[in-house]
Amino acid sequence: MKYNWYAIKLVVICVVIFFLQMIRPEITGQFALDSALLLSRPWTIIIYIFLHGSFQHLFYNMFALALFGSILEKIIGGKKFLLTFFVSGIIAGIGSIIFYVATIGASGAIYGVMGALAVLRPRMTVYVGFAPLPMSLAVVFWAVGDLLGLFSPTGLTAHGAHLFGLFFGLIYGIILRKDYGETLFKRSKEEIDDEKFKEWEDEYMSSY
């Protein structure tokens, strides 16, 4: 499959839009996903993904998108990667309007990417803090953190968006697993063809 650098291109788009937000702060309010205005501004269910509230917010999201997005894109191809990203972002947005007044950011879409990777490459090593963990366990760790944050909210993190995006990523990963998933168990015994069996028979059975 041709690698199209879609994850990196999405990072560039988000960075450019962030600088536009700094120049024209009203952009954030006009295109944020506002639960009260979604019906009159339906396009915000997609555009909100590209908006970020601070440099720190942008940096962490873009680091994760560049890393996990590039890996997933190389595994399943550009079209399926984009499907994972945007559908996860839309579902994360739907989850957001249930819990929050307004939301911006790509984190819900990125959680969908990570969810798909957790299914397709569960043994891939990632670092949570300074601890190396398999991708499957790391996603469980992040999901538990968001569940706790959902019921005892602190700060501005949209935990509900993360969980909704992650859910879609996991489901889509299960759908793709047959074609793109890694083999969990390797063959422990080498298959013996007819020629090797004949050689073995001649060597060890000649005395009988």
N, C-alpha and C. Protein backbone atom coordinates (compact mmCIF):
# COMPACT_ATOMS: atom_id res chain seq x y z
N MET A 1 0.84 -1.20 0.00
CA MET A 1 0.00 0.00 0.00
C MET A 1 0.87 1.25 0.00
N LYS A 2 0.48 2.22 -0.79
CA LYS A 2 1.20 3.48 -0.85
C LYS A 2 0.98 4.27 0.44
N TYR A 3 2.08 4.76 1.00
CA TYR A 3 2.00 5.57 2.22
C TYR A 3 1.86 7.03 1.82
N ASN A 4 0.77 7.66 2.23
CA ASN A 4 0.46 9.02 1.79
C ASN A 4 0.71 10.10 2.83
N TRP A 5 1.27 9.72 3.98
CA TRP A 5 1.59 10.71 5.02
C TRP A 5 0.37 11.48 5.49
N TYR A 6 -0.80 10.82 5.51
CA TYR A 6 -2.02 11.52 5.91
C TYR A 6 -1.96 12.00 7.36
N ALA A 7 -1.40 11.19 8.24
CA ALA A 7 -1.32 11.60 9.65
C ALA A 7 -0.50 12.88 9.79
N ILE A 8 0.63 12.95 9.08
CA ILE A 8 1.48 14.15 9.15
C ILE A 8 0.77 15.34 8.52
N LYS A 9 0.06 15.11 7.45
CA LYS A 9 -0.69 16.19 6.80
C LYS A 9 -1.78 16.74 7.73
N LEU A 10 -2.42 15.85 8.48
CA LEU A 10 -3.42 16.31 9.46
C LEU A 10 -2.77 17.14 10.56
N VAL A 11 -1.57 16.74 10.96
CA VAL A 11 -0.82 17.53 11.96
C VAL A 11 -0.56 18.93 11.43
N VAL A 12 -0.12 19.02 10.18
CA VAL A 12 0.18 20.34 9.58
C VAL A 12 -1.08 21.20 9.54
N ILE A 13 -2.21 20.60 9.16
CA ILE A 13 -3.47 21.35 9.11
C ILE A 13 -3.83 21.88 10.49
N CYS A 14 -3.71 21.04 11.51
CA CYS A 14 -4.04 21.47 12.87
C CYS A 14 -3.13 22.60 13.34
N VAL A 15 -1.85 22.52 13.01
CA VAL A 15 -0.90 23.57 13.42
C VAL A 15 -1.23 24.88 12.73
N VAL A 16 -1.53 24.82 11.43
CA VAL A 16 -1.88 26.04 10.69
C VAL A 16 -3.14 26.67 11.27
N ILE A 17 -4.14 25.85 11.54
CA ILE A 17 -5.39 26.36 12.10
C ILE A 17 -5.16 26.96 13.49
N PHE A 18 -4.26 26.35 14.27
CA PHE A 18 -3.97 26.91 15.60
C PHE A 18 -3.38 28.31 15.49
N PHE A 19 -2.48 28.52 14.55
CA PHE A 19 -1.92 29.86 14.36
C PHE A 19 -2.99 30.85 13.89
N LEU A 20 -3.93 30.37 13.07
CA LEU A 20 -5.05 31.23 12.68
C LEU A 20 -5.91 31.58 13.90
N GLN A 21 -6.07 30.62 14.82
CA GLN A 21 -6.81 30.90 16.05
C GLN A 21 -6.12 31.98 16.88
N MET A 22 -4.80 31.94 16.89
CA MET A 22 -4.06 32.96 17.64
C MET A 22 -4.22 34.34 17.01
N ILE A 23 -4.25 34.38 15.68
CA ILE A 23 -4.40 35.66 14.98
C ILE A 23 -5.83 36.16 15.05
N ARG A 24 -6.78 35.24 14.89
CA ARG A 24 -8.20 35.59 14.91
C ARG A 24 -8.91 34.73 15.97
N PRO A 25 -8.87 35.14 17.23
CA PRO A 25 -9.44 34.34 18.32
C PRO A 25 -10.91 34.00 18.15
N GLU A 26 -11.65 34.80 17.37
CA GLU A 26 -13.08 34.53 17.19
C GLU A 26 -13.33 33.23 16.43
N ILE A 27 -12.31 32.73 15.74
CA ILE A 27 -12.46 31.47 15.01
C ILE A 27 -12.84 30.34 15.95
N THR A 28 -12.25 30.33 17.13
CA THR A 28 -12.50 29.25 18.09
C THR A 28 -13.98 29.20 18.45
N GLY A 29 -14.55 30.34 18.76
CA GLY A 29 -15.96 30.36 19.13
C GLY A 29 -16.89 30.04 17.98
N GLN A 30 -16.49 30.42 16.78
CA GLN A 30 -17.34 30.20 15.61
C GLN A 30 -17.39 28.74 15.18
N PHE A 31 -16.31 28.01 15.42
CA PHE A 31 -16.23 26.64 14.91
C PHE A 31 -16.10 25.58 16.00
N ALA A 32 -16.16 25.97 17.26
CA ALA A 32 -16.17 24.98 18.33
C ALA A 32 -17.46 24.16 18.27
N LEU A 33 -17.41 22.95 18.78
CA LEU A 33 -18.60 22.10 18.82
C LEU A 33 -19.43 22.50 20.03
N ASP A 34 -20.45 23.30 19.79
CA ASP A 34 -21.33 23.81 20.83
C ASP A 34 -22.62 22.98 20.83
N SER A 35 -22.92 22.33 21.94
CA SER A 35 -24.07 21.43 21.98
C SER A 35 -25.38 22.15 21.70
N ALA A 36 -25.46 23.43 22.04
CA ALA A 36 -26.70 24.18 21.82
C ALA A 36 -26.85 24.65 20.38
N LEU A 37 -25.74 24.66 19.63
CA LEU A 37 -25.78 25.22 18.28
C LEU A 37 -25.50 24.18 17.20
N LEU A 38 -25.40 22.91 17.58
CA LEU A 38 -25.02 21.89 16.61
C LEU A 38 -25.99 21.80 15.44
N LEU A 39 -27.29 21.89 15.69
CA LEU A 39 -28.27 21.76 14.61
C LEU A 39 -28.17 22.91 13.61
N SER A 40 -27.83 24.08 14.10
CA SER A 40 -27.70 25.24 13.19
C SER A 40 -26.29 25.34 12.59
N ARG A 41 -25.32 24.65 13.20
CA ARG A 41 -23.95 24.65 12.67
C ARG A 41 -23.42 23.21 12.60
N PRO A 42 -24.03 22.36 11.77
CA PRO A 42 -23.66 20.93 11.76
C PRO A 42 -22.22 20.68 11.32
N TRP A 43 -21.63 21.59 10.56
CA TRP A 43 -20.25 21.41 10.10
C TRP A 43 -19.25 21.39 11.26
N THR A 44 -19.65 21.92 12.41
CA THR A 44 -18.71 21.96 13.54
C THR A 44 -18.42 20.58 14.09
N ILE A 45 -19.24 19.57 13.75
CA ILE A 45 -18.99 18.21 14.23
C ILE A 45 -17.69 17.64 13.64
N ILE A 46 -17.21 18.28 12.56
CA ILE A 46 -15.92 17.88 11.97
C ILE A 46 -14.85 18.94 12.23
N ILE A 47 -15.20 20.21 12.05
CA ILE A 47 -14.20 21.26 12.16
C ILE A 47 -13.64 21.38 13.58
N TYR A 48 -14.43 21.05 14.59
CA TYR A 48 -13.96 21.18 15.98
C TYR A 48 -12.70 20.35 16.23
N ILE A 49 -12.56 19.26 15.44
CA ILE A 49 -11.41 18.36 15.61
C ILE A 49 -10.10 19.10 15.39
N PHE A 50 -10.10 20.10 14.51
CA PHE A 50 -8.86 20.78 14.12
C PHE A 50 -8.54 21.99 15.01
N LEU A 51 -9.40 22.30 15.97
CA LEU A 51 -9.17 23.44 16.85
C LEU A 51 -8.54 22.98 18.17
N HIS A 52 -7.67 23.84 18.72
CA HIS A 52 -7.06 23.51 20.01
C HIS A 52 -6.99 24.76 20.88
N GLY A 53 -7.04 24.52 22.20
CA GLY A 53 -7.19 25.62 23.13
C GLY A 53 -5.90 26.23 23.63
N SER A 54 -4.78 25.54 23.47
CA SER A 54 -3.50 26.05 23.95
C SER A 54 -2.38 25.33 23.21
N PHE A 55 -1.17 25.86 23.35
CA PHE A 55 -0.03 25.20 22.71
C PHE A 55 0.19 23.82 23.30
N GLN A 56 0.03 23.68 24.61
CA GLN A 56 0.21 22.38 25.25
C GLN A 56 -0.82 21.37 24.73
N HIS A 57 -2.06 21.82 24.61
CA HIS A 57 -3.13 20.98 24.07
C HIS A 57 -2.76 20.52 22.66
N LEU A 58 -2.31 21.45 21.83
CA LEU A 58 -1.91 21.14 20.46
C LEU A 58 -0.73 20.18 20.44
N PHE A 59 0.30 20.45 21.25
CA PHE A 59 1.53 19.66 21.21
C PHE A 59 1.27 18.19 21.54
N TYR A 60 0.57 17.93 22.63
CA TYR A 60 0.35 16.54 23.02
C TYR A 60 -0.53 15.80 22.00
N ASN A 61 -1.54 16.48 21.49
CA ASN A 61 -2.39 15.83 20.50
C ASN A 61 -1.63 15.55 19.20
N MET A 62 -0.82 16.50 18.76
CA MET A 62 -0.11 16.32 17.50
C MET A 62 1.01 15.29 17.64
N PHE A 63 1.62 15.22 18.79
CA PHE A 63 2.64 14.18 19.01
C PHE A 63 2.00 12.79 18.90
N ALA A 64 0.85 12.60 19.55
CA ALA A 64 0.16 11.32 19.50
C ALA A 64 -0.35 11.02 18.10
N LEU A 65 -0.86 12.03 17.40
CA LEU A 65 -1.39 11.82 16.05
C LEU A 65 -0.26 11.44 15.10
N ALA A 66 0.86 12.13 15.17
CA ALA A 66 1.99 11.83 14.29
C ALA A 66 2.51 10.42 14.55
N LEU A 67 2.62 10.04 15.82
CA LEU A 67 3.17 8.74 16.18
C LEU A 67 2.20 7.60 15.87
N PHE A 68 1.06 7.60 16.56
CA PHE A 68 0.12 6.49 16.41
C PHE A 68 -0.58 6.51 15.04
N GLY A 69 -0.85 7.72 14.55
CA GLY A 69 -1.50 7.82 13.25
C GLY A 69 -0.64 7.28 12.13
N SER A 70 0.66 7.59 12.16
CA SER A 70 1.55 7.10 11.11
C SER A 70 1.66 5.58 11.16
N ILE A 71 1.73 5.02 12.36
CA ILE A 71 1.82 3.57 12.50
C ILE A 71 0.56 2.91 11.96
N LEU A 72 -0.60 3.42 12.35
CA LEU A 72 -1.86 2.82 11.89
C LEU A 72 -2.01 2.97 10.38
N GLU A 73 -1.63 4.13 9.85
CA GLU A 73 -1.75 4.35 8.41
C GLU A 73 -0.91 3.35 7.63
N LYS A 74 0.30 3.04 8.12
CA LYS A 74 1.16 2.08 7.45
C LYS A 74 0.58 0.66 7.50
N ILE A 75 -0.22 0.38 8.53
CA ILE A 75 -0.79 -0.95 8.68
C ILE A 75 -2.02 -1.14 7.80
N ILE A 76 -2.94 -0.18 7.84
CA ILE A 76 -4.24 -0.37 7.18
C ILE A 76 -4.42 0.47 5.93
N GLY A 77 -3.47 1.35 5.63
CA GLY A 77 -3.60 2.20 4.45
C GLY A 77 -4.25 3.53 4.75
N GLY A 78 -4.06 4.48 3.83
CA GLY A 78 -4.50 5.85 4.05
C GLY A 78 -6.00 6.01 4.17
N LYS A 79 -6.77 5.36 3.29
CA LYS A 79 -8.21 5.55 3.30
C LYS A 79 -8.84 5.04 4.59
N LYS A 80 -8.43 3.87 5.02
CA LYS A 80 -8.99 3.32 6.26
C LYS A 80 -8.52 4.10 7.48
N PHE A 81 -7.29 4.62 7.40
CA PHE A 81 -6.83 5.48 8.50
C PHE A 81 -7.68 6.74 8.61
N LEU A 82 -7.93 7.39 7.47
CA LEU A 82 -8.76 8.60 7.50
C LEU A 82 -10.17 8.29 7.99
N LEU A 83 -10.71 7.14 7.59
CA LEU A 83 -12.02 6.73 8.08
C LEU A 83 -12.00 6.57 9.59
N THR A 84 -10.95 5.92 10.11
CA THR A 84 -10.82 5.74 11.56
C THR A 84 -10.77 7.09 12.26
N PHE A 85 -9.95 7.99 11.75
CA PHE A 85 -9.75 9.28 12.39
C PHE A 85 -11.03 10.11 12.40
N PHE A 86 -11.65 10.27 11.25
CA PHE A 86 -12.80 11.17 11.17
C PHE A 86 -14.06 10.58 11.82
N VAL A 87 -14.31 9.31 11.63
CA VAL A 87 -15.49 8.72 12.27
C VAL A 87 -15.31 8.71 13.78
N SER A 88 -14.11 8.41 14.26
CA SER A 88 -13.84 8.48 15.70
C SER A 88 -14.08 9.89 16.21
N GLY A 89 -13.61 10.90 15.44
CA GLY A 89 -13.81 12.28 15.85
C GLY A 89 -15.27 12.68 15.89
N ILE A 90 -16.04 12.22 14.91
CA ILE A 90 -17.48 12.53 14.88
C ILE A 90 -18.19 11.87 16.05
N ILE A 91 -17.90 10.60 16.30
CA ILE A 91 -18.53 9.89 17.42
C ILE A 91 -18.09 10.49 18.75
N ALA A 92 -16.82 10.88 18.84
CA ALA A 92 -16.36 11.57 20.04
C ALA A 92 -17.11 12.89 20.23
N GLY A 93 -17.39 13.59 19.12
CA GLY A 93 -18.16 14.82 19.21
C GLY A 93 -19.58 14.57 19.70
N ILE A 94 -20.19 13.50 19.22
CA ILE A 94 -21.54 13.15 19.70
C ILE A 94 -21.51 12.86 21.19
N GLY A 95 -20.47 12.15 21.63
CA GLY A 95 -20.34 11.91 23.06
C GLY A 95 -20.12 13.18 23.84
N SER A 96 -19.40 14.12 23.23
CA SER A 96 -19.10 15.37 23.92
C SER A 96 -20.35 16.19 24.21
N ILE A 97 -21.27 16.23 23.24
CA ILE A 97 -22.45 17.07 23.45
C ILE A 97 -23.36 16.49 24.53
N ILE A 98 -23.16 15.23 24.89
CA ILE A 98 -23.92 14.64 26.00
C ILE A 98 -23.41 15.15 27.34
N PHE A 99 -22.09 15.36 27.43
CA PHE A 99 -21.48 15.68 28.72
C PHE A 99 -21.03 17.13 28.86
N TYR A 100 -20.79 17.82 27.73
CA TYR A 100 -20.17 19.14 27.82
C TYR A 100 -20.93 20.18 27.00
N VAL A 101 -20.77 21.42 27.39
CA VAL A 101 -21.41 22.52 26.68
C VAL A 101 -20.73 22.74 25.33
N ALA A 102 -19.41 22.74 25.32
CA ALA A 102 -18.66 22.96 24.08
C ALA A 102 -17.34 22.19 24.14
N THR A 103 -16.85 21.81 22.97
CA THR A 103 -15.63 21.00 22.89
C THR A 103 -14.81 21.40 21.67
N ILE A 104 -13.48 21.33 21.81
CA ILE A 104 -12.57 21.45 20.67
C ILE A 104 -11.44 20.45 20.87
N GLY A 105 -10.80 20.07 19.77
CA GLY A 105 -9.61 19.22 19.87
C GLY A 105 -9.73 17.89 19.16
N ALA A 106 -8.56 17.33 18.81
CA ALA A 106 -8.49 16.09 18.05
C ALA A 106 -8.35 14.86 18.94
N SER A 107 -8.40 15.03 20.25
CA SER A 107 -8.09 13.91 21.13
C SER A 107 -9.06 12.74 20.98
N GLY A 108 -10.34 13.00 20.78
CA GLY A 108 -11.30 11.92 20.59
C GLY A 108 -11.00 11.11 19.35
N ALA A 109 -10.63 11.79 18.25
CA ALA A 109 -10.25 11.11 17.02
C ALA A 109 -8.98 10.30 17.22
N ILE A 110 -8.04 10.86 17.97
CA ILE A 110 -6.77 10.17 18.23
C ILE A 110 -6.99 8.94 19.10
N TYR A 111 -7.90 9.03 20.05
CA TYR A 111 -8.22 7.86 20.87
C TYR A 111 -8.79 6.74 20.00
N GLY A 112 -9.54 7.10 18.96
CA GLY A 112 -10.02 6.08 18.04
C GLY A 112 -8.87 5.39 17.32
N VAL A 113 -7.88 6.17 16.92
CA VAL A 113 -6.68 5.61 16.28
C VAL A 113 -5.97 4.67 17.24
N MET A 114 -5.82 5.08 18.49
CA MET A 114 -5.14 4.24 19.48
C MET A 114 -5.94 2.98 19.78
N GLY A 115 -7.26 3.10 19.78
CA GLY A 115 -8.10 1.92 20.01
C GLY A 115 -7.92 0.89 18.91
N ALA A 116 -7.88 1.35 17.66
CA ALA A 116 -7.67 0.43 16.54
C ALA A 116 -6.30 -0.24 16.64
N LEU A 117 -5.28 0.54 17.01
CA LEU A 117 -3.95 -0.03 17.17
C LEU A 117 -3.90 -1.06 18.29
N ALA A 118 -4.64 -0.81 19.37
CA ALA A 118 -4.65 -1.74 20.49
C ALA A 118 -5.17 -3.11 20.08
N VAL A 119 -6.05 -3.14 19.10
CA VAL A 119 -6.59 -4.41 18.60
C VAL A 119 -5.66 -5.03 17.57
N LEU A 120 -5.14 -4.20 16.66
CA LEU A 120 -4.33 -4.71 15.56
C LEU A 120 -2.89 -5.01 15.96
N ARG A 121 -2.36 -4.24 16.92
CA ARG A 121 -0.99 -4.45 17.39
C ARG A 121 -0.97 -4.42 18.92
N PRO A 122 -1.61 -5.38 19.57
CA PRO A 122 -1.75 -5.33 21.04
C PRO A 122 -0.43 -5.44 21.79
N ARG A 123 0.60 -6.05 21.17
CA ARG A 123 1.88 -6.24 21.86
C ARG A 123 2.89 -5.13 21.56
N MET A 124 2.53 -4.17 20.74
CA MET A 124 3.42 -3.05 20.44
C MET A 124 3.73 -2.26 21.71
N THR A 125 4.99 -2.00 21.97
CA THR A 125 5.38 -1.34 23.21
C THR A 125 5.23 0.18 23.10
N VAL A 126 4.57 0.76 24.09
CA VAL A 126 4.46 2.22 24.20
C VAL A 126 4.82 2.60 25.63
N TYR A 127 5.13 3.86 25.83
CA TYR A 127 5.51 4.32 27.16
C TYR A 127 4.39 5.15 27.76
N VAL A 128 3.98 4.75 28.95
CA VAL A 128 3.04 5.52 29.74
C VAL A 128 3.85 6.13 30.88
N GLY A 129 4.12 7.41 30.77
CA GLY A 129 5.11 8.00 31.65
C GLY A 129 6.47 7.45 31.25
N PHE A 130 7.14 6.77 32.20
CA PHE A 130 8.42 6.13 31.90
C PHE A 130 8.30 4.61 31.90
N ALA A 131 7.07 4.11 31.97
CA ALA A 131 6.86 2.67 32.04
C ALA A 131 6.50 2.10 30.67
N PRO A 132 7.26 1.13 30.17
CA PRO A 132 6.91 0.49 28.90
C PRO A 132 5.75 -0.49 29.10
N LEU A 133 4.73 -0.35 28.26
CA LEU A 133 3.56 -1.22 28.35
C LEU A 133 3.16 -1.68 26.96
N PRO A 134 2.56 -2.86 26.84
CA PRO A 134 1.98 -3.24 25.56
C PRO A 134 0.81 -2.31 25.23
N MET A 135 0.58 -2.07 23.96
CA MET A 135 -0.44 -1.12 23.53
C MET A 135 -1.80 -1.45 24.13
N SER A 136 -2.14 -2.73 24.18
CA SER A 136 -3.45 -3.11 24.71
C SER A 136 -3.60 -2.69 26.17
N LEU A 137 -2.56 -2.88 26.97
CA LEU A 137 -2.62 -2.52 28.38
C LEU A 137 -2.59 -1.01 28.56
N ALA A 138 -1.81 -0.32 27.72
CA ALA A 138 -1.75 1.14 27.80
C ALA A 138 -3.11 1.77 27.54
N VAL A 139 -3.85 1.23 26.57
CA VAL A 139 -5.18 1.76 26.26
C VAL A 139 -6.13 1.50 27.42
N VAL A 140 -6.01 0.35 28.07
CA VAL A 140 -6.83 0.09 29.26
C VAL A 140 -6.51 1.12 30.34
N PHE A 141 -5.24 1.40 30.54
CA PHE A 141 -4.81 2.38 31.54
C PHE A 141 -5.40 3.75 31.24
N TRP A 142 -5.32 4.18 29.98
CA TRP A 142 -5.86 5.49 29.60
C TRP A 142 -7.38 5.52 29.73
N ALA A 143 -8.03 4.42 29.38
CA ALA A 143 -9.49 4.36 29.46
C ALA A 143 -9.96 4.46 30.91
N VAL A 144 -9.27 3.77 31.81
CA VAL A 144 -9.63 3.83 33.24
C VAL A 144 -9.46 5.26 33.75
N GLY A 145 -8.39 5.91 33.34
CA GLY A 145 -8.18 7.30 33.73
C GLY A 145 -9.30 8.21 33.26
N ASP A 146 -9.79 7.98 32.04
CA ASP A 146 -10.89 8.79 31.52
C ASP A 146 -12.21 8.46 32.19
N LEU A 147 -12.41 7.20 32.54
CA LEU A 147 -13.63 6.83 33.29
C LEU A 147 -13.66 7.53 34.64
N LEU A 148 -12.53 7.53 35.31
CA LEU A 148 -12.46 8.23 36.60
C LEU A 148 -12.66 9.73 36.42
N GLY A 149 -12.08 10.28 35.37
CA GLY A 149 -12.24 11.70 35.10
C GLY A 149 -13.65 12.07 34.70
N LEU A 150 -14.35 11.11 34.08
CA LEU A 150 -15.73 11.37 33.65
C LEU A 150 -16.66 11.56 34.84
N PHE A 151 -16.43 10.79 35.90
CA PHE A 151 -17.31 10.85 37.07
C PHE A 151 -16.80 11.78 38.16
N SER A 152 -15.57 12.23 38.04
CA SER A 152 -15.07 13.25 38.95
C SER A 152 -14.25 14.24 38.13
N PRO A 153 -14.96 15.05 37.33
CA PRO A 153 -14.28 15.92 36.37
C PRO A 153 -13.43 17.00 37.03
N THR A 154 -12.24 17.16 36.50
CA THR A 154 -11.34 18.25 36.90
C THR A 154 -10.69 18.81 35.65
N GLY A 155 -10.47 20.10 35.61
CA GLY A 155 -9.82 20.70 34.46
C GLY A 155 -10.75 20.77 33.25
N LEU A 156 -10.14 20.82 32.08
CA LEU A 156 -10.88 21.03 30.84
C LEU A 156 -10.82 19.82 29.90
N THR A 157 -10.39 18.68 30.41
CA THR A 157 -10.26 17.49 29.56
C THR A 157 -11.62 16.88 29.26
N ALA A 158 -11.87 16.60 27.99
CA ALA A 158 -13.15 16.02 27.57
C ALA A 158 -13.05 14.49 27.64
N HIS A 159 -13.15 13.95 28.84
CA HIS A 159 -12.99 12.51 29.04
C HIS A 159 -14.05 11.72 28.26
N GLY A 160 -15.26 12.24 28.20
CA GLY A 160 -16.32 11.55 27.48
C GLY A 160 -16.00 11.42 26.01
N ALA A 161 -15.41 12.44 25.40
CA ALA A 161 -15.03 12.39 24.00
C ALA A 161 -13.97 11.31 23.78
N HIS A 162 -13.01 11.23 24.69
CA HIS A 162 -11.98 10.20 24.58
C HIS A 162 -12.59 8.81 24.55
N LEU A 163 -13.51 8.55 25.45
CA LEU A 163 -14.10 7.22 25.58
C LEU A 163 -14.95 6.86 24.37
N PHE A 164 -15.71 7.82 23.87
CA PHE A 164 -16.54 7.55 22.68
C PHE A 164 -15.66 7.28 21.45
N GLY A 165 -14.60 8.08 21.28
CA GLY A 165 -13.69 7.85 20.17
C GLY A 165 -12.97 6.52 20.29
N LEU A 166 -12.55 6.19 21.49
CA LEU A 166 -11.87 4.92 21.74
C LEU A 166 -12.79 3.74 21.43
N PHE A 167 -14.04 3.85 21.79
CA PHE A 167 -14.99 2.77 21.55
C PHE A 167 -15.08 2.45 20.06
N PHE A 168 -15.21 3.49 19.24
CA PHE A 168 -15.29 3.22 17.80
C PHE A 168 -14.00 2.60 17.29
N GLY A 169 -12.85 3.12 17.74
CA GLY A 169 -11.58 2.58 17.30
C GLY A 169 -11.44 1.09 17.62
N LEU A 170 -11.87 0.70 18.79
CA LEU A 170 -11.81 -0.70 19.17
C LEU A 170 -12.70 -1.56 18.27
N ILE A 171 -13.92 -1.08 18.04
CA ILE A 171 -14.85 -1.83 17.19
C ILE A 171 -14.32 -1.95 15.77
N TYR A 172 -13.80 -0.84 15.23
CA TYR A 172 -13.29 -0.88 13.87
C TYR A 172 -12.04 -1.75 13.78
N GLY A 173 -11.23 -1.72 14.83
CA GLY A 173 -10.06 -2.59 14.87
C GLY A 173 -10.44 -4.06 14.83
N ILE A 174 -11.50 -4.42 15.54
CA ILE A 174 -11.98 -5.80 15.53
C ILE A 174 -12.43 -6.19 14.12
N ILE A 175 -13.10 -5.26 13.43
CA ILE A 175 -13.54 -5.52 12.06
C ILE A 175 -12.35 -5.75 11.13
N LEU A 176 -11.28 -4.98 11.34
CA LEU A 176 -10.11 -5.06 10.46
C LEU A 176 -9.12 -6.14 10.86
N ARG A 177 -9.30 -6.72 12.02
CA ARG A 177 -8.29 -7.63 12.57
C ARG A 177 -7.98 -8.81 11.67
N LYS A 178 -8.99 -9.37 11.03
CA LYS A 178 -8.78 -10.54 10.19
C LYS A 178 -7.77 -10.25 9.07
N ASP A 179 -7.83 -9.06 8.49
CA ASP A 179 -6.96 -8.71 7.38
C ASP A 179 -5.66 -8.03 7.79
N TYR A 180 -5.67 -7.32 8.94
CA TYR A 180 -4.51 -6.49 9.28
C TYR A 180 -3.92 -6.78 10.66
N GLY A 181 -4.54 -7.67 11.42
CA GLY A 181 -4.06 -7.93 12.77
C GLY A 181 -2.81 -8.79 12.78
N GLU A 182 -2.02 -8.67 13.85
CA GLU A 182 -0.81 -9.48 13.97
C GLU A 182 -1.16 -10.88 14.46
N THR A 183 -0.29 -11.83 14.18
CA THR A 183 -0.47 -13.19 14.64
C THR A 183 -0.06 -13.29 16.09
N LEU A 184 -0.98 -13.71 16.94
CA LEU A 184 -0.68 -13.77 18.36
C LEU A 184 0.19 -14.96 18.73
N PHE A 185 0.02 -16.05 18.03
CA PHE A 185 0.77 -17.27 18.37
C PHE A 185 1.51 -17.75 17.13
N LYS A 186 2.82 -17.91 17.25
CA LYS A 186 3.62 -18.41 16.15
C LYS A 186 3.66 -19.94 16.18
N ARG A 187 3.88 -20.55 15.03
CA ARG A 187 3.97 -22.00 14.95
C ARG A 187 5.18 -22.46 15.74
N SER A 188 4.98 -23.40 16.63
CA SER A 188 6.07 -23.90 17.47
C SER A 188 6.83 -25.04 16.81
N LYS A 189 6.24 -25.65 15.77
CA LYS A 189 6.89 -26.76 15.10
C LYS A 189 6.99 -26.46 13.61
N GLU A 190 8.12 -26.84 13.04
CA GLU A 190 8.33 -26.62 11.61
C GLU A 190 7.57 -27.69 10.84
N GLU A 191 6.90 -27.25 9.80
CA GLU A 191 6.16 -28.19 8.98
C GLU A 191 7.14 -29.05 8.18
N ILE A 192 6.92 -30.35 8.16
CA ILE A 192 7.81 -31.28 7.48
C ILE A 192 7.21 -31.63 6.12
N ASP A 193 7.93 -31.33 5.04
CA ASP A 193 7.43 -31.67 3.71
C ASP A 193 7.84 -33.11 3.36
N ASP A 194 7.40 -33.58 2.21
CA ASP A 194 7.63 -34.97 1.81
C ASP A 194 9.11 -35.29 1.67
N GLU A 195 9.89 -34.35 1.14
CA GLU A 195 11.31 -34.60 0.93
C GLU A 195 12.05 -34.78 2.24
N LYS A 196 11.74 -33.90 3.22
CA LYS A 196 12.39 -34.01 4.52
C LYS A 196 11.98 -35.31 5.22
N PHE A 197 10.74 -35.69 5.08
CA PHE A 197 10.27 -36.93 5.70
C PHE A 197 10.98 -38.13 5.09
N LYS A 198 11.20 -38.10 3.76
CA LYS A 198 11.91 -39.20 3.10
C LYS A 198 13.34 -39.30 3.59
N GLU A 199 14.02 -38.14 3.76
CA GLU A 199 15.38 -38.14 4.27
C GLU A 199 15.42 -38.71 5.69
N TRP A 200 14.47 -38.30 6.51
CA TRP A 200 14.40 -38.79 7.90
C TRP A 200 14.16 -40.30 7.92
N GLU A 201 13.27 -40.74 7.03
CA GLU A 201 12.95 -42.17 6.97
C GLU A 201 14.16 -42.99 6.56
N ASP A 202 14.91 -42.51 5.54
CA ASP A 202 16.09 -43.22 5.07
C ASP A 202 17.17 -43.30 6.14
N GLU A 203 17.30 -42.22 6.93
CA GLU A 203 18.38 -42.15 7.91
C GLU A 203 18.09 -42.99 9.14
N TYR A 204 16.86 -42.90 9.66
CA TYR A 204 16.57 -43.50 10.96
C TYR A 204 15.85 -44.85 10.87
N MET A 205 15.31 -45.16 9.70
CA MET A 205 14.55 -46.42 9.60
C MET A 205 15.27 -47.48 8.80
N SER A 206 16.47 -47.19 8.31
CA SER A 206 17.18 -48.14 7.45
C SER A 206 17.59 -49.42 8.17
N SER A 207 17.73 -49.35 9.48
CA SER A 207 18.19 -50.51 10.23
C SER A 207 17.07 -51.49 10.56
N TYR A 208 15.83 -51.13 10.24
CA TYR A 208 14.70 -51.99 10.58
C TYR A 208 14.27 -52.82 9.40
